[in-house]
Protein backbone atom coordinates (compact mmCIF):
# COMPACT_ATOMS: atom_id res chain seq x y z
CA MET A 1 212.89 143.07 -73.42
CA ARG A 2 211.02 142.59 -70.43
CA THR A 3 212.07 142.88 -67.08
CA TRP A 4 211.52 139.81 -64.82
CA LEU A 5 210.50 139.95 -61.10
CA VAL A 6 211.94 136.99 -58.59
CA ARG A 7 210.29 136.96 -55.49
CA LEU A 8 211.09 135.13 -52.73
CA LEU A 9 207.70 132.71 -51.77
CA GLN A 10 206.41 133.28 -48.26
CA THR A 11 207.80 129.79 -46.51
CA SER A 12 209.88 128.77 -43.76
CA LEU A 13 213.15 128.29 -45.64
CA PHE A 14 213.75 125.16 -43.87
CA ALA A 15 210.22 124.03 -43.92
CA ILE A 16 211.01 122.17 -47.42
CA THR A 17 214.88 121.23 -46.87
CA LEU A 18 214.27 118.05 -45.91
CA GLN A 19 212.06 117.61 -49.59
CA MET A 20 213.46 114.54 -51.89
CA ALA A 21 213.96 116.21 -55.25
CA LEU A 22 211.36 116.40 -57.62
CA THR A 23 212.94 116.77 -61.25
CA THR A 24 216.88 116.49 -61.36
CA ALA A 25 217.36 112.76 -62.83
CA GLY A 26 216.75 113.12 -67.09
CA HIS A 27 217.33 116.95 -66.74
CA ALA A 28 220.13 119.42 -68.17
CA GLN A 29 220.77 120.45 -64.46
CA PRO A 30 224.50 120.11 -64.24
CA LYS A 31 225.57 118.00 -61.00
CA PRO A 32 227.11 120.42 -58.64
CA ARG A 33 231.09 122.14 -59.94
CA ARG A 34 231.61 122.72 -55.92
CA THR A 35 231.10 120.18 -53.83
CA TYR A 36 231.28 120.93 -49.54
CA PRO A 37 233.76 118.63 -48.75
CA GLY A 38 232.86 118.67 -44.20
CA ARG A 39 229.47 118.91 -42.22
CA PHE A 40 226.61 121.39 -42.37
CA TYR A 41 223.68 122.45 -40.63
CA THR A 42 220.09 123.04 -41.19
CA SER A 43 219.41 124.87 -37.85
CA VAL A 44 221.69 127.43 -36.77
CA GLU A 45 221.41 130.29 -34.51
CA LYS A 46 222.05 133.43 -37.41
CA LEU A 47 221.20 132.13 -40.53
CA ALA A 48 224.02 133.36 -43.28
CA GLN A 49 222.92 136.06 -45.44
CA PHE A 50 223.72 137.82 -48.39
CA PRO A 51 225.26 141.15 -48.63
CA GLY A 52 223.24 144.09 -48.49
CA GLY A 53 220.52 141.20 -47.39
CA ARG A 54 217.29 139.76 -48.38
CA GLU A 55 216.78 142.80 -51.08
CA ALA A 56 219.48 142.95 -52.19
CA MET A 57 219.38 139.46 -53.33
CA LEU A 58 216.74 139.91 -55.34
CA ARG A 59 217.61 142.69 -57.44
CA PHE A 60 220.99 140.52 -58.02
CA LEU A 61 219.01 137.51 -59.28
CA ALA A 62 216.66 139.92 -60.85
CA ASP A 63 219.51 140.75 -62.79
CA ASN A 64 220.64 137.52 -63.39
CA ILE A 65 218.78 134.97 -64.21
CA GLU A 66 217.76 134.85 -67.65
CA TYR A 67 214.13 133.82 -68.38
CA PRO A 68 214.02 131.72 -71.13
CA ASN A 69 211.75 133.19 -74.17
CA VAL A 70 210.31 129.94 -75.15
CA LEU A 71 208.50 129.80 -71.90
CA ASP A 72 206.99 133.51 -72.16
CA ARG A 73 206.18 132.54 -76.02
CA ILE A 74 204.24 129.56 -75.13
CA GLN A 75 202.96 130.79 -71.84
CA TYR A 76 204.32 128.34 -69.67
CA LYS A 77 204.34 128.80 -66.08
CA PRO A 78 207.26 127.33 -64.21
CA GLY A 79 205.04 127.42 -60.94
CA PRO A 80 207.60 127.98 -58.01
CA VAL A 81 211.58 126.13 -58.01
CA THR A 82 213.51 125.71 -54.89
CA VAL A 83 217.59 126.34 -54.98
CA ARG A 84 219.52 124.91 -52.23
CA PHE A 85 222.74 125.37 -51.38
CA ILE A 86 225.20 125.27 -48.79
CA VAL A 87 226.85 128.42 -47.28
CA ALA A 88 230.37 127.80 -46.00
CA PRO A 89 232.09 129.19 -43.24
CA ASP A 90 234.08 131.74 -45.11
CA GLY A 91 230.84 132.77 -46.97
CA ALA A 92 231.67 130.71 -50.59
CA LEU A 93 228.59 128.47 -52.29
CA TYR A 94 228.64 124.93 -52.96
CA ASP A 95 226.35 121.98 -53.47
CA ILE A 96 223.58 124.47 -56.08
CA THR A 97 221.12 122.38 -57.05
CA VAL A 98 217.36 123.56 -58.81
CA ASP A 99 214.14 121.29 -57.93
CA SER A 100 211.31 122.28 -60.01
CA LYS A 101 207.44 120.78 -60.36
CA PRO A 102 207.82 118.07 -63.60
CA VAL A 103 206.80 118.92 -66.81
CA THR A 104 205.73 116.99 -69.69
CA ASN A 105 205.87 119.46 -72.95
CA PRO A 106 209.17 119.12 -74.95
CA GLU A 107 208.77 122.34 -76.04
CA ALA A 108 208.52 123.69 -71.75
CA GLU A 109 211.10 121.12 -70.82
CA LYS A 110 213.87 122.47 -72.64
CA GLY A 111 213.11 126.10 -71.54
CA MET A 112 213.02 125.16 -67.66
CA ASP A 113 216.44 123.14 -68.65
CA THR A 114 217.32 127.02 -69.63
CA TYR A 115 216.00 128.92 -67.21
CA ARG A 116 217.70 125.95 -64.13
CA ILE A 117 220.72 126.22 -65.60
CA SER A 118 220.53 129.93 -65.58
CA ILE A 119 219.45 130.24 -61.67
CA ILE A 120 222.83 128.25 -61.30
CA ARG A 121 224.58 130.25 -63.09
CA ALA A 122 223.56 133.08 -61.23
CA ILE A 123 223.86 131.34 -57.80
CA GLU A 124 227.64 131.12 -58.94
CA LYS A 125 228.30 134.54 -59.60
CA MET A 126 226.98 135.48 -55.78
CA PRO A 127 229.39 137.58 -54.11
CA ARG A 128 230.85 135.43 -50.87
CA TRP A 129 227.65 135.05 -47.99
CA GLN A 130 227.69 136.19 -44.37
CA PRO A 131 228.40 133.01 -42.90
CA ALA A 132 225.64 131.23 -40.66
CA GLN A 133 226.82 131.32 -36.74
CA LEU A 134 226.01 128.59 -34.34
CA ASP A 135 227.70 128.49 -30.63
CA GLY A 136 229.28 131.61 -31.61
CA GLY A 137 231.29 130.88 -34.50
CA PRO A 138 231.08 130.28 -38.18
CA VAL A 139 229.58 127.10 -39.81
CA ALA A 140 228.54 125.68 -42.90
CA MET A 141 224.40 125.30 -43.67
CA LEU A 142 221.90 124.50 -45.80
CA TYR A 143 220.05 126.97 -47.53
CA THR A 144 216.86 126.90 -48.58
CA LEU A 145 215.43 129.75 -51.12
CA PRO A 146 212.05 128.92 -52.71
CA LEU A 147 211.65 131.58 -55.54
CA GLN A 148 208.66 132.93 -58.25
CA VAL A 149 209.29 134.72 -61.55
CA ASP A 150 206.29 137.41 -61.45
CA ASN A 151 206.03 137.98 -65.13
């Protein structure tokens, strides 16, 4: 079995926060299981953080995201995907969505659906985060995580 490395793209976390979702309709991505009921921020004094920091988060994702064999077999390169979720003031995660480039190949589309679902499941397994801070207190924040799989 191959080991897949997950890395953050070298872009600003918020540069793509407000972009429209490219491929959510008609795909296997389920609706978020948990929807955050309150206000959230896109700009805060201190960003929410995975326990242990960025490197620990990347290790966690590499260990928990399953890259579909069909994408490897057909040599399909999914390109970057964007994961968005809300980190609540208590560190719980809500509204997890995954966006990726459009796929026209039916075999690749099935693999991408599986890949998107695997990413969502990995994010759902994450431990509680350290919440974002604004005016000295914890607040909910929209977190954007651009990912790329290197194989």
